[in-house]
C-alpha atoms as a PDB file:
ATOM      1  CA  MET A   1       7.732  24.603   1.659  1.00  0.00           C
ATOM      2  CA  GLY A   2       7.665  21.158   0.130  1.00  0.00           C
ATOM      3  CA  TYR A   3       7.866  18.334   2.660  1.00  0.00           C
ATOM      4  CA  THR A   4       8.990  14.824   1.888  1.00  0.00           C
ATOM      5  CA  ASN A   5       7.589  11.458   2.903  1.00  0.00           C
ATOM      6  CA  ALA A   6      10.784  10.877   4.905  1.00  0.00           C
ATOM      7  CA  GLN A   7      10.007  13.941   7.016  1.00  0.00           C
ATOM      8  CA  LEU A   8       6.422  12.762   7.513  1.00  0.00           C
ATOM      9  CA  ASN A   9       7.654   9.312   8.551  1.00  0.00           C
ATOM     10  CA  ALA A  10      10.077  10.879  11.055  1.00  0.00           C
ATOM     11  CA  LEU A  11       7.212  12.839  12.616  1.00  0.00           C
ATOM     12  CA  LYS A  12       5.000   9.745  12.828  1.00  0.00           C
ATOM     13  CA  LYS A  13       7.845   7.715  14.327  1.00  0.00           C
ATOM     14  CA  ALA A  14       8.427  10.384  16.968  1.00  0.00           C
ATOM     15  CA  LEU A  15       4.730  10.349  17.833  1.00  0.00           C
ATOM     16  CA  ALA A  16       4.668   6.554  18.080  1.00  0.00           C
ATOM     17  CA  THR A  17       7.750   6.384  20.317  1.00  0.00           C
ATOM     18  CA  GLY A  18       6.798   9.311  22.527  1.00  0.00           C
ATOM     19  CA  GLU A  19       9.645  11.541  21.394  1.00  0.00           C
ATOM     20  CA  ARG A  20       9.162  15.286  21.198  1.00  0.00           C
ATOM     21  CA  ARG A  21      12.373  16.025  19.320  1.00  0.00           C
ATOM     22  CA  VAL A  22      12.545  15.365  15.573  1.00  0.00           C
ATOM     23  CA  SER A  23      15.609  15.797  13.346  1.00  0.00           C
ATOM     24  CA  PHE A  24      15.508  16.526   9.609  1.00  0.00           C
ATOM     25  CA  GLY A  25      19.015  16.449   8.247  1.00  0.00           C
ATOM     26  CA  ASP A  26      20.924  19.154  10.135  1.00  0.00           C
ATOM     27  CA  LYS A  27      17.822  20.708  11.742  1.00  0.00           C
ATOM     28  CA  THR A  28      16.184  19.629  14.989  1.00  0.00           C
ATOM     29  CA  VAL A  29      12.724  20.646  16.157  1.00  0.00           C
ATOM     30  CA  GLU A  30      11.389  20.031  19.658  1.00  0.00           C
ATOM     31  CA  TYR A  31       7.614  20.086  20.048  1.00  0.00           C
ATOM     32  CA  ARG A  32       6.019  21.197  23.309  1.00  0.00           C
ATOM     33  CA  SER A  33       3.211  18.661  23.348  1.00  0.00           C
ATOM     34  CA  VAL A  34       1.712  15.683  21.589  1.00  0.00           C
ATOM     35  CA  ALA A  35      -1.053  17.928  20.243  1.00  0.00           C
ATOM     36  CA  GLU A  36       1.536  20.202  18.634  1.00  0.00           C
ATOM     37  CA  LEU A  37       3.269  17.188  17.070  1.00  0.00           C
ATOM     38  CA  GLN A  38      -0.068  15.880  15.747  1.00  0.00           C
ATOM     39  CA  ALA A  39      -0.811  19.316  14.266  1.00  0.00           C
ATOM     40  CA  ALA A  40       2.571  19.251  12.516  1.00  0.00           C
ATOM     41  CA  ILE A  41       1.777  15.818  11.071  1.00  0.00           C
ATOM     42  CA  ARG A  42      -1.585  17.043   9.744  1.00  0.00           C
ATOM     43  CA  SER A  43       0.095  20.091   8.217  1.00  0.00           C
ATOM     44  CA  VAL A  44       2.770  18.012   6.481  1.00  0.00           C
ATOM     45  CA  GLU A  45       0.180  15.503   5.206  1.00  0.00           C
ATOM     46  CA  ALA A  46      -1.897  18.353   3.771  1.00  0.00           C
ATOM     47  CA  ASP A  47       1.155  19.888   2.106  1.00  0.00           C
ATOM     48  CA  ILE A  48       2.150  16.565   0.549  1.00  0.00           C
ATOM     49  CA  ALA A  49      -1.416  16.010  -0.690  1.00  0.00           C
ATOM     50  CA  ARG A  50      -1.469  19.473  -2.295  1.00  0.00           C
ATOM     51  CA  GLY A  51       1.874  18.836  -3.964  1.00  0.00           C
ATOM     52  CA  SER A  52       0.924  15.448  -5.341  1.00  0.00           C
ATOM     53  CA  GLY A  53      -1.784  16.882  -7.543  1.00  0.00           C
ATOM     54  CA  THR A  54      -4.611  15.089  -5.793  1.00  0.00           C
ATOM     55  CA  PRO A  55      -7.784  16.489  -7.336  1.00  0.00           C
ATOM     56  CA  LYS A  56     -10.318  18.185  -5.134  1.00  0.00           C
ATOM     57  CA  ARG A  57     -13.890  16.948  -5.162  1.00  0.00           C
ATOM     58  CA  GLN A  58     -16.548  19.192  -6.563  1.00  0.00           C
ATOM     59  CA  ILE A  59     -20.274  18.809  -6.297  1.00  0.00           C
ATOM     60  CA  ARG A  60     -22.334  20.738  -8.796  1.00  0.00           C
ATOM     61  CA  VAL A  61     -26.017  21.229  -8.235  1.00  0.00           C
ATOM     62  CA  THR A  62     -28.206  22.374 -11.102  1.00  0.00           C
ATOM     63  CA  THR A  63     -31.847  23.226 -10.727  1.00  0.00           C
ATOM     64  CA  ALA A  64     -34.493  24.315 -13.174  1.00  0.00           C
ATOM     65  CA  LYS A  65     -37.965  25.662 -12.679  1.00  0.00           C
ATOM     66  CA  GLY A  66     -40.722  23.740 -14.395  1.00  0.00           C
ATOM     67  CA  PHE A  67     -40.398  20.981 -16.966  1.00  0.00           C
END
């Protein structure tokens, strides 16, 4: 599912104000704890990063024997 920055901002605002209930349009989600809300924020941030085409880092190691 593709999340939007507006949804991410709503989650962060709920965390900052101490709310556990977040509304997205016509849907409302109530989180049981702050940890669950923080996990949702991390999940949404990861999904947005994947969707934005942010390249992953790669480290390539090459070795050779001798000269």
